[in-house]
């Protein structure tokens, strides 16, 4: 958010612009002029759009984790960390192995590939880390014989 072109003094009640883009030359510019409180209105729009974009990214990431969990279930068999009979050390080893995979991808690929390819490889590996952690959480749910969190939100907050 920037002062509008007609508001160089940054007057609270003058025009305010909502901008987008990665440099001083914005690829998006929208000015809030006629609102009772233009700066607050512009900030509200920025917060709403930013919040929505964040929610979309979160949902997309969780879909990737869910897809990875499905793949893990199909391939891991009894060694899947969601198995309540699997010892905790094996679950920890699986999780650490996945975290190590992030390090391998980063160290091996960060100079050998461009940013887009590195991001693609890191994203896939991070989905594996998250899915493995979720599998372990599923195991804890299974052992607690409940469909809800083993520890209630109230107990954690209180």
N, C-alpha and C. Protein backbone atom coordinates (compact mmCIF):
# COMPACT_ATOMS: atom_id res chain seq x y z
N UNK A 1 0.85 -1.15 0.00
CA UNK A 1 0.00 0.00 0.00
C UNK A 1 0.91 1.23 0.00
N UNK A 2 0.57 2.18 -0.87
CA UNK A 2 1.38 3.39 -1.00
C UNK A 2 0.46 4.61 -1.06
N UNK A 3 0.98 5.78 -0.71
CA UNK A 3 0.16 6.98 -0.89
C UNK A 3 -0.21 7.13 -2.37
N UNK A 4 -1.43 7.55 -2.63
CA UNK A 4 -1.86 7.76 -4.01
C UNK A 4 -1.03 8.84 -4.68
N UNK A 5 -1.07 8.84 -6.01
CA UNK A 5 -0.29 9.82 -6.77
C UNK A 5 -0.70 11.25 -6.42
N UNK A 6 -1.96 11.42 -6.04
CA UNK A 6 -2.43 12.77 -5.67
C UNK A 6 -2.26 13.04 -4.18
N UNK A 7 -1.54 12.18 -3.47
CA UNK A 7 -1.37 12.30 -2.03
C UNK A 7 0.11 12.15 -1.63
N UNK A 8 0.98 13.00 -2.14
CA UNK A 8 2.41 12.84 -1.85
C UNK A 8 2.77 13.08 -0.38
N UNK A 9 1.89 13.75 0.36
CA UNK A 9 2.17 14.04 1.77
C UNK A 9 1.69 12.93 2.71
N UNK A 10 1.17 11.86 2.16
CA UNK A 10 0.68 10.70 2.92
C UNK A 10 -0.41 11.08 3.91
N UNK A 11 -1.31 11.96 3.49
CA UNK A 11 -2.45 12.35 4.30
C UNK A 11 -3.35 11.14 4.52
N UNK A 12 -3.70 10.88 5.76
CA UNK A 12 -4.54 9.75 6.14
C UNK A 12 -5.83 9.69 5.32
N UNK A 13 -6.38 10.86 5.00
CA UNK A 13 -7.67 10.91 4.30
C UNK A 13 -7.52 11.23 2.82
N UNK A 14 -6.29 11.25 2.33
CA UNK A 14 -6.03 11.43 0.90
C UNK A 14 -6.10 10.08 0.20
N UNK A 15 -5.84 10.09 -1.08
CA UNK A 15 -5.89 8.86 -1.87
C UNK A 15 -4.76 7.90 -1.46
N UNK A 16 -5.07 6.62 -1.44
CA UNK A 16 -4.08 5.59 -1.16
C UNK A 16 -4.15 4.54 -2.26
N UNK A 17 -3.00 4.03 -2.63
CA UNK A 17 -2.94 3.05 -3.70
C UNK A 17 -2.63 1.65 -3.19
N UNK A 18 -3.24 0.70 -3.83
CA UNK A 18 -2.94 -0.71 -3.58
C UNK A 18 -2.08 -1.15 -4.75
N UNK A 19 -0.91 -1.67 -4.46
CA UNK A 19 0.04 -2.01 -5.52
C UNK A 19 0.44 -3.47 -5.45
N UNK A 20 0.89 -3.97 -6.56
CA UNK A 20 1.40 -5.33 -6.64
C UNK A 20 2.56 -5.37 -7.62
N UNK A 21 3.46 -6.26 -7.40
CA UNK A 21 4.62 -6.40 -8.28
C UNK A 21 5.88 -6.39 -7.47
N UNK A 22 6.96 -6.84 -8.08
CA UNK A 22 8.19 -7.01 -7.34
C UNK A 22 9.22 -5.92 -7.49
N UNK A 23 8.82 -4.74 -7.94
CA UNK A 23 9.80 -3.67 -8.09
C UNK A 23 9.12 -2.33 -7.88
N UNK A 24 9.87 -1.25 -8.11
CA UNK A 24 9.28 0.08 -7.98
C UNK A 24 8.22 0.35 -9.05
N UNK A 25 8.33 -0.33 -10.17
CA UNK A 25 7.33 -0.22 -11.22
C UNK A 25 6.32 -1.33 -10.99
N UNK A 26 5.15 -0.97 -10.51
CA UNK A 26 4.15 -1.95 -10.10
C UNK A 26 3.42 -2.53 -11.30
N UNK A 27 3.17 -3.83 -11.25
CA UNK A 27 2.39 -4.46 -12.31
C UNK A 27 0.90 -4.29 -12.04
N UNK A 28 0.57 -3.86 -10.83
CA UNK A 28 -0.83 -3.61 -10.47
C UNK A 28 -0.87 -2.34 -9.62
N UNK A 29 -1.81 -1.46 -9.94
CA UNK A 29 -2.00 -0.25 -9.15
C UNK A 29 -3.48 0.09 -9.15
N UNK A 30 -4.05 0.24 -7.95
CA UNK A 30 -5.46 0.62 -7.82
C UNK A 30 -5.52 1.67 -6.72
N UNK A 31 -6.16 2.79 -7.02
CA UNK A 31 -6.23 3.88 -6.08
C UNK A 31 -7.59 3.92 -5.39
N UNK A 32 -7.57 4.12 -4.07
CA UNK A 32 -8.79 4.28 -3.28
C UNK A 32 -8.98 5.77 -3.07
N UNK A 33 -10.05 6.31 -3.63
CA UNK A 33 -10.25 7.76 -3.59
C UNK A 33 -11.46 8.17 -2.76
N UNK A 34 -12.63 7.64 -3.08
CA UNK A 34 -13.87 8.18 -2.56
C UNK A 34 -14.34 7.62 -1.24
N UNK A 35 -13.56 6.82 -0.59
CA UNK A 35 -13.98 6.24 0.68
C UNK A 35 -13.90 7.28 1.79
N UNK A 36 -14.67 7.06 2.84
CA UNK A 36 -14.62 7.97 3.99
C UNK A 36 -13.22 7.97 4.62
N UNK A 37 -12.62 6.79 4.71
CA UNK A 37 -11.26 6.66 5.24
C UNK A 37 -10.44 5.84 4.24
N UNK A 38 -9.89 6.50 3.23
CA UNK A 38 -9.23 5.77 2.14
C UNK A 38 -8.10 4.85 2.59
N UNK A 39 -7.28 5.31 3.53
CA UNK A 39 -6.16 4.46 3.96
C UNK A 39 -6.66 3.18 4.63
N UNK A 40 -7.63 3.30 5.50
CA UNK A 40 -8.18 2.10 6.16
C UNK A 40 -8.87 1.19 5.16
N UNK A 41 -9.56 1.79 4.19
CA UNK A 41 -10.22 0.99 3.15
C UNK A 41 -9.19 0.24 2.32
N UNK A 42 -8.13 0.93 1.91
CA UNK A 42 -7.07 0.28 1.14
C UNK A 42 -6.43 -0.85 1.94
N UNK A 43 -6.18 -0.61 3.23
CA UNK A 43 -5.57 -1.64 4.08
C UNK A 43 -6.49 -2.84 4.23
N UNK A 44 -7.79 -2.58 4.34
CA UNK A 44 -8.77 -3.67 4.43
C UNK A 44 -8.72 -4.54 3.17
N UNK A 45 -8.66 -3.92 2.01
CA UNK A 45 -8.60 -4.67 0.75
C UNK A 45 -7.31 -5.48 0.68
N UNK A 46 -6.20 -4.86 1.03
CA UNK A 46 -4.92 -5.58 1.02
C UNK A 46 -4.97 -6.78 1.96
N UNK A 47 -5.47 -6.58 3.17
CA UNK A 47 -5.54 -7.68 4.14
C UNK A 47 -6.46 -8.80 3.65
N UNK A 48 -7.58 -8.43 3.06
CA UNK A 48 -8.53 -9.44 2.57
C UNK A 48 -7.92 -10.25 1.43
N UNK A 49 -7.30 -9.57 0.48
CA UNK A 49 -6.71 -10.27 -0.67
C UNK A 49 -5.54 -11.13 -0.21
N UNK A 50 -4.71 -10.59 0.66
CA UNK A 50 -3.56 -11.34 1.17
C UNK A 50 -4.02 -12.57 1.95
N UNK A 51 -5.03 -12.38 2.78
CA UNK A 51 -5.57 -13.51 3.55
C UNK A 51 -6.14 -14.59 2.65
N UNK A 52 -6.88 -14.18 1.63
CA UNK A 52 -7.47 -15.15 0.70
C UNK A 52 -6.37 -15.89 -0.07
N UNK A 53 -5.37 -15.16 -0.54
CA UNK A 53 -4.27 -15.79 -1.27
C UNK A 53 -3.55 -16.79 -0.37
N UNK A 54 -3.34 -16.43 0.87
CA UNK A 54 -2.69 -17.34 1.82
C UNK A 54 -3.52 -18.60 2.04
N UNK A 55 -4.83 -18.43 2.15
CA UNK A 55 -5.72 -19.58 2.34
C UNK A 55 -5.68 -20.51 1.12
N UNK A 56 -5.65 -19.94 -0.08
CA UNK A 56 -5.55 -20.76 -1.29
C UNK A 56 -4.24 -21.54 -1.33
N UNK A 57 -3.14 -20.89 -0.94
CA UNK A 57 -1.84 -21.59 -0.91
C UNK A 57 -1.85 -22.71 0.13
N UNK A 58 -2.45 -22.46 1.29
CA UNK A 58 -2.54 -23.48 2.32
C UNK A 58 -3.35 -24.67 1.83
N UNK A 59 -4.50 -24.41 1.23
CA UNK A 59 -5.35 -25.49 0.74
C UNK A 59 -4.64 -26.32 -0.32
N UNK A 60 -3.94 -25.65 -1.22
CA UNK A 60 -3.19 -26.36 -2.26
C UNK A 60 -2.09 -27.22 -1.64
N UNK A 61 -1.40 -26.68 -0.65
CA UNK A 61 -0.35 -27.44 0.03
C UNK A 61 -0.91 -28.67 0.73
N UNK A 62 -2.06 -28.51 1.38
CA UNK A 62 -2.66 -29.64 2.09
C UNK A 62 -3.14 -30.72 1.12
N UNK A 63 -3.59 -30.31 -0.07
CA UNK A 63 -3.96 -31.30 -1.09
C UNK A 63 -2.72 -32.10 -1.49
N UNK A 64 -1.59 -31.43 -1.64
CA UNK A 64 -0.35 -32.12 -1.98
C UNK A 64 0.05 -33.12 -0.90
N UNK A 65 -0.11 -32.73 0.36
CA UNK A 65 0.20 -33.62 1.48
C UNK A 65 -0.75 -34.81 1.47
N UNK A 66 -2.02 -34.56 1.22
CA UNK A 66 -3.00 -35.65 1.18
C UNK A 66 -2.68 -36.63 0.04
N UNK A 67 -2.29 -36.11 -1.11
CA UNK A 67 -1.90 -36.99 -2.23
C UNK A 67 -0.67 -37.81 -1.88
N UNK A 68 0.30 -37.19 -1.21
CA UNK A 68 1.49 -37.92 -0.80
C UNK A 68 1.16 -38.98 0.23
N UNK A 69 0.23 -38.70 1.14
CA UNK A 69 -0.20 -39.71 2.11
C UNK A 69 -0.81 -40.90 1.40
N UNK A 70 -1.62 -40.65 0.39
CA UNK A 70 -2.23 -41.76 -0.37
C UNK A 70 -1.13 -42.60 -1.03
N UNK A 71 -0.12 -41.95 -1.58
CA UNK A 71 0.98 -42.69 -2.19
C UNK A 71 1.74 -43.50 -1.14
N UNK A 72 1.99 -42.88 0.02
CA UNK A 72 2.70 -43.59 1.09
C UNK A 72 1.91 -44.81 1.56
N UNK A 73 0.60 -44.65 1.74
CA UNK A 73 -0.23 -45.78 2.20
C UNK A 73 -0.14 -46.94 1.21
N UNK A 74 -0.12 -46.60 -0.08
CA UNK A 74 -0.09 -47.63 -1.11
C UNK A 74 1.26 -48.34 -1.20
N UNK A 75 2.33 -47.67 -0.79
CA UNK A 75 3.66 -48.26 -0.98
C UNK A 75 4.36 -48.71 0.31
N UNK A 76 4.02 -48.13 1.45
CA UNK A 76 4.77 -48.42 2.68
C UNK A 76 4.33 -49.67 3.42
N UNK A 77 3.11 -50.09 3.23
CA UNK A 77 2.61 -51.27 3.92
C UNK A 77 2.71 -51.13 5.43
N UNK A 78 3.21 -52.19 6.09
CA UNK A 78 3.26 -52.17 7.56
C UNK A 78 4.31 -51.21 8.09
N UNK A 79 5.19 -50.71 7.23
CA UNK A 79 6.22 -49.77 7.66
C UNK A 79 5.74 -48.32 7.60
N UNK A 80 4.46 -48.10 7.28
CA UNK A 80 3.92 -46.75 7.25
C UNK A 80 3.84 -46.22 8.68
N UNK A 81 4.29 -44.98 8.91
CA UNK A 81 4.26 -44.42 10.27
C UNK A 81 2.87 -44.33 10.90
N UNK A 82 1.82 -44.52 10.13
CA UNK A 82 0.48 -44.52 10.71
C UNK A 82 0.16 -45.84 11.41
N UNK A 83 1.00 -46.83 11.23
CA UNK A 83 0.79 -48.15 11.83
C UNK A 83 1.03 -48.06 13.35
N UNK A 84 -0.02 -48.28 14.16
CA UNK A 84 0.16 -48.18 15.62
C UNK A 84 1.09 -49.25 16.19
N UNK A 85 1.35 -50.30 15.43
CA UNK A 85 2.21 -51.38 15.91
C UNK A 85 3.68 -51.17 15.54
N UNK A 86 3.95 -50.17 14.74
CA UNK A 86 5.32 -49.86 14.35
C UNK A 86 6.00 -49.09 15.48
N UNK A 87 7.23 -49.48 15.82
CA UNK A 87 7.91 -48.80 16.93
C UNK A 87 8.21 -47.34 16.58
N UNK A 88 8.26 -46.51 17.61
CA UNK A 88 8.45 -45.07 17.42
C UNK A 88 9.78 -44.76 16.75
N UNK A 89 10.81 -45.54 17.03
CA UNK A 89 12.12 -45.31 16.43
C UNK A 89 12.05 -45.43 14.91
N UNK A 90 11.25 -46.34 14.41
CA UNK A 90 11.10 -46.50 12.96
C UNK A 90 10.37 -45.30 12.36
N UNK A 91 9.39 -44.78 13.10
CA UNK A 91 8.66 -43.59 12.64
C UNK A 91 9.59 -42.38 12.60
N UNK A 92 10.39 -42.23 13.66
CA UNK A 92 11.34 -41.13 13.71
C UNK A 92 12.37 -41.26 12.59
N UNK A 93 12.83 -42.47 12.35
CA UNK A 93 13.80 -42.69 11.27
C UNK A 93 13.20 -42.31 9.92
N UNK A 94 11.92 -42.65 9.70
CA UNK A 94 11.26 -42.30 8.43
C UNK A 94 11.16 -40.78 8.28
N UNK A 95 10.79 -40.11 9.37
CA UNK A 95 10.66 -38.66 9.32
C UNK A 95 12.01 -37.98 9.09
N UNK A 96 13.04 -38.45 9.80
CA UNK A 96 14.38 -37.87 9.63
C UNK A 96 14.90 -38.13 8.22
N UNK A 97 14.60 -39.30 7.67
CA UNK A 97 15.01 -39.61 6.30
C UNK A 97 14.39 -38.61 5.32
N UNK A 98 13.12 -38.30 5.52
CA UNK A 98 12.46 -37.33 4.63
C UNK A 98 13.04 -35.93 4.80
N UNK A 99 13.32 -35.53 6.04
CA UNK A 99 13.94 -34.22 6.27
C UNK A 99 15.33 -34.20 5.62
N UNK A 100 16.05 -35.29 5.73
CA UNK A 100 17.35 -35.39 5.07
C UNK A 100 17.22 -35.25 3.57
N UNK A 101 16.11 -35.74 3.02
CA UNK A 101 15.86 -35.59 1.59
C UNK A 101 15.76 -34.13 1.18
N UNK A 102 15.18 -33.31 2.05
CA UNK A 102 15.12 -31.87 1.77
C UNK A 102 16.54 -31.31 1.69
N UNK A 103 17.37 -31.70 2.63
CA UNK A 103 18.75 -31.24 2.62
C UNK A 103 19.50 -31.70 1.39
N UNK A 104 19.28 -32.96 0.98
CA UNK A 104 19.95 -33.48 -0.22
C UNK A 104 19.52 -32.69 -1.46
N UNK A 105 18.21 -32.49 -1.60
CA UNK A 105 17.72 -31.74 -2.76
C UNK A 105 18.31 -30.34 -2.77
N UNK A 106 18.28 -29.69 -1.62
CA UNK A 106 18.79 -28.32 -1.54
C UNK A 106 20.28 -28.27 -1.87
N UNK A 107 21.05 -29.11 -1.23
CA UNK A 107 22.50 -29.06 -1.43
C UNK A 107 22.94 -29.49 -2.82
N UNK A 108 22.26 -30.48 -3.39
CA UNK A 108 22.66 -30.99 -4.70
C UNK A 108 22.11 -30.14 -5.84
N UNK A 109 20.94 -29.56 -5.66
CA UNK A 109 20.26 -28.94 -6.78
C UNK A 109 20.29 -27.42 -6.79
N UNK A 110 20.65 -26.79 -5.68
CA UNK A 110 20.49 -25.33 -5.64
C UNK A 110 21.39 -24.60 -6.62
N UNK A 111 22.52 -25.17 -6.98
CA UNK A 111 23.38 -24.51 -7.95
C UNK A 111 23.26 -25.15 -9.33
N UNK A 112 22.72 -26.36 -9.39
CA UNK A 112 22.64 -27.09 -10.66
C UNK A 112 21.35 -26.80 -11.43
N UNK A 113 20.37 -26.21 -10.79
CA UNK A 113 19.09 -25.96 -11.46
C UNK A 113 18.69 -24.51 -11.27
N UNK A 114 17.71 -24.11 -12.01
CA UNK A 114 17.14 -22.78 -11.82
C UNK A 114 16.19 -22.77 -10.65
N UNK A 115 15.74 -21.60 -10.27
CA UNK A 115 14.85 -21.44 -9.10
C UNK A 115 13.56 -22.26 -9.27
N UNK A 116 12.95 -22.25 -10.44
CA UNK A 116 11.70 -22.97 -10.64
C UNK A 116 11.87 -24.47 -10.43
N UNK A 117 12.93 -25.03 -10.99
CA UNK A 117 13.17 -26.47 -10.84
C UNK A 117 13.51 -26.81 -9.40
N UNK A 118 14.30 -25.99 -8.74
CA UNK A 118 14.63 -26.22 -7.34
C UNK A 118 13.37 -26.16 -6.49
N UNK A 119 12.53 -25.16 -6.71
CA UNK A 119 11.28 -25.05 -5.95
C UNK A 119 10.40 -26.28 -6.16
N UNK A 120 10.34 -26.77 -7.39
CA UNK A 120 9.53 -27.95 -7.70
C UNK A 120 10.03 -29.17 -6.92
N UNK A 121 11.34 -29.36 -6.91
CA UNK A 121 11.92 -30.51 -6.20
C UNK A 121 11.79 -30.36 -4.68
N UNK A 122 12.03 -29.15 -4.18
CA UNK A 122 11.87 -28.92 -2.74
C UNK A 122 10.42 -29.11 -2.31
N UNK A 123 9.49 -28.61 -3.10
CA UNK A 123 8.07 -28.74 -2.77
C UNK A 123 7.68 -30.21 -2.64
N UNK A 124 8.10 -31.02 -3.60
CA UNK A 124 7.78 -32.45 -3.55
C UNK A 124 8.37 -33.10 -2.31
N UNK A 125 9.61 -32.75 -1.98
CA UNK A 125 10.26 -33.34 -0.80
C UNK A 125 9.61 -32.85 0.48
N UNK A 126 9.25 -31.57 0.54
CA UNK A 126 8.57 -31.04 1.73
C UNK A 126 7.20 -31.67 1.91
N UNK A 127 6.51 -31.99 0.82
CA UNK A 127 5.23 -32.69 0.92
C UNK A 127 5.44 -34.07 1.55
N UNK A 128 6.56 -34.71 1.24
CA UNK A 128 6.86 -36.01 1.83
C UNK A 128 7.13 -35.88 3.32
N UNK A 129 7.84 -34.83 3.72
CA UNK A 129 8.10 -34.59 5.15
C UNK A 129 6.77 -34.40 5.87
N UNK A 130 5.93 -33.52 5.34
CA UNK A 130 4.64 -33.23 5.98
C UNK A 130 3.76 -34.48 6.03
N UNK A 131 3.72 -35.24 4.95
CA UNK A 131 2.89 -36.45 4.92
C UNK A 131 3.39 -37.48 5.93
N UNK A 132 4.68 -37.59 6.09
CA UNK A 132 5.23 -38.54 7.07
C UNK A 132 4.87 -38.09 8.49
N UNK A 133 4.95 -36.80 8.75
CA UNK A 133 4.54 -36.29 10.07
C UNK A 133 3.05 -36.53 10.28
N UNK A 134 2.24 -36.31 9.27
CA UNK A 134 0.80 -36.56 9.38
C UNK A 134 0.53 -38.05 9.64
N UNK A 135 1.30 -38.93 8.99
CA UNK A 135 1.12 -40.36 9.22
C UNK A 135 1.35 -40.70 10.70
N UNK A 136 2.37 -40.13 11.27
CA UNK A 136 2.66 -40.36 12.69
C UNK A 136 1.52 -39.82 13.54
N UNK A 137 0.98 -38.65 13.18
CA UNK A 137 -0.17 -38.09 13.90
C UNK A 137 -1.38 -39.03 13.79
N UNK A 138 -1.56 -39.64 12.61
CA UNK A 138 -2.66 -40.60 12.43
C UNK A 138 -2.50 -41.77 13.39
N UNK A 139 -1.28 -42.21 13.58
CA UNK A 139 -1.00 -43.31 14.52
C UNK A 139 -1.41 -42.92 15.93
N UNK A 140 -1.08 -41.71 16.32
CA UNK A 140 -1.44 -41.24 17.66
C UNK A 140 -2.95 -41.21 17.81
N UNK A 141 -3.64 -40.76 16.78
CA UNK A 141 -5.11 -40.80 16.81
C UNK A 141 -5.61 -42.24 16.97
N UNK A 142 -5.01 -43.16 16.21
CA UNK A 142 -5.44 -44.55 16.27
C UNK A 142 -5.26 -45.13 17.68
N UNK A 143 -4.13 -44.78 18.31
CA UNK A 143 -3.88 -45.29 19.65
C UNK A 143 -4.81 -44.67 20.70
N UNK A 144 -5.27 -43.45 20.44
CA UNK A 144 -6.15 -42.79 21.41
C UNK A 144 -7.60 -43.23 21.21
N UNK A 145 -7.85 -44.03 20.17
CA UNK A 145 -9.20 -44.52 19.88
C UNK A 145 -10.22 -43.39 19.78
N UNK A 146 -9.81 -42.28 19.17
CA UNK A 146 -10.70 -41.14 19.04
C UNK A 146 -10.55 -40.53 17.66
N UNK A 147 -11.59 -39.89 17.22
CA UNK A 147 -11.54 -39.17 15.95
C UNK A 147 -11.11 -37.73 16.14
N UNK A 148 -10.91 -37.33 17.38
CA UNK A 148 -10.52 -35.95 17.65
C UNK A 148 -9.07 -35.93 18.12
N UNK A 149 -8.56 -34.74 18.35
CA UNK A 149 -7.18 -34.60 18.81
C UNK A 149 -7.01 -35.27 20.16
N UNK A 150 -5.89 -35.99 20.38
CA UNK A 150 -5.66 -36.63 21.67
C UNK A 150 -5.68 -35.65 22.84
N UNK A 151 -5.20 -34.44 22.63
CA UNK A 151 -5.25 -33.41 23.66
C UNK A 151 -6.18 -32.33 23.14
N UNK A 152 -7.16 -31.97 23.94
CA UNK A 152 -8.11 -30.96 23.47
C UNK A 152 -7.46 -29.60 23.38
N UNK A 153 -8.00 -28.74 22.56
CA UNK A 153 -7.50 -27.38 22.42
C UNK A 153 -7.56 -26.63 23.76
N UNK A 154 -8.61 -26.90 24.53
CA UNK A 154 -8.75 -26.22 25.81
C UNK A 154 -7.62 -26.60 26.76
N UNK A 155 -7.24 -27.88 26.77
CA UNK A 155 -6.16 -28.31 27.65
C UNK A 155 -4.84 -27.67 27.25
N UNK A 156 -4.58 -27.53 25.92
CA UNK A 156 -3.33 -26.92 25.47
C UNK A 156 -3.30 -25.43 25.81
N UNK A 157 -4.44 -24.76 25.69
CA UNK A 157 -4.49 -23.30 25.91
C UNK A 157 -4.44 -22.96 27.38
N UNK A 158 -4.90 -23.87 28.22
CA UNK A 158 -5.13 -23.51 29.56
C UNK A 158 -4.16 -23.67 30.60
